[in-house]
Amino acid sequence: MKWIQTGILIFLYAFSVSSLAAEIPTSDRSIRAISNVENDLKSELESKGLDYGAPIFIRIFKDPGTLEVWVESKEKEFVHFKSYDICTFSGALGPKLKEGDNQSPEGFYFVNSKRLNPWSQFHLSFNLGYPNKYDRYHGRTGSALMVHGNCVSIGCYAMTDSYINEIYALASAALNANQDFFRVHVFPFKMETEILSRYKHSEWYSFWLNLKEGYEYFENHKTPPNVEVEFGKYVFGV
């Protein structure tokens, strides 16, 4: 009887693991892309004392056009791992307002496993989840706002295929290792007081002041804040 019980437990464990793995969408393309970069990523992470599959956090800056990947350390602080040049994005500084305005969004978003697209027509992609609660409160519309490959954009943040392969691999590994979702914070520029002061006459100045609160939270705590929306403003906490 004991060996039967053991066998049942092993089966249940294997079934639960396979069920979790099935939640992460894969394709032949994503499998090949990940296998091509996985070993190098593991070596680079190890050199910084970080683990492949640890939780990640992404920041995007329209100016100077960079995407940062941060990885959680064993001390539970996020460490800057790598910055990638954004190949192209649409529009100018400022948030996306409506479908078809060819503007890339700014704000606080998150990506879970359902938002990965290993079959993307733009090589590989993940959906930012625009419009979020804040965007909807302000009547903003749009759909399928992605970070993807192929280096072309009509509202998305486009990377080279080689860069998206690495970013996608890190995201997939983190989600596979039970990070429920990873946050993506999108800013017009580094939200430092001196830089922001140059835009005090912009129509988006008050919006950017609100974004600055979330930027400073991460800078101070080295962990991304929980983001909520109250009375049409982003609010931040543990």
Foldseek 3Di string as FASTA:
>chain_A
DVVVVVVVVVVVVVVVLVVLLVLADADPLLVVLLVVCVVVVQVLQVVVQHHQQAAWAWEAAQVVAKIWIWGQHPVRFTDTRDIAHFLDAFDAADAAAEAPPLAAGAFKFKFFSVQWDCPDPQRTKGARPPPDPLNVVVVGYYDDAIEGEPSDYSHHGYHHNNVVSVVVSSQSSNNSSPPRIYMYGYHNHQLDPVVLVVCCVPPCSVVSVLSSVQNVVCVVGNDGFDWDADPSGIDTDD
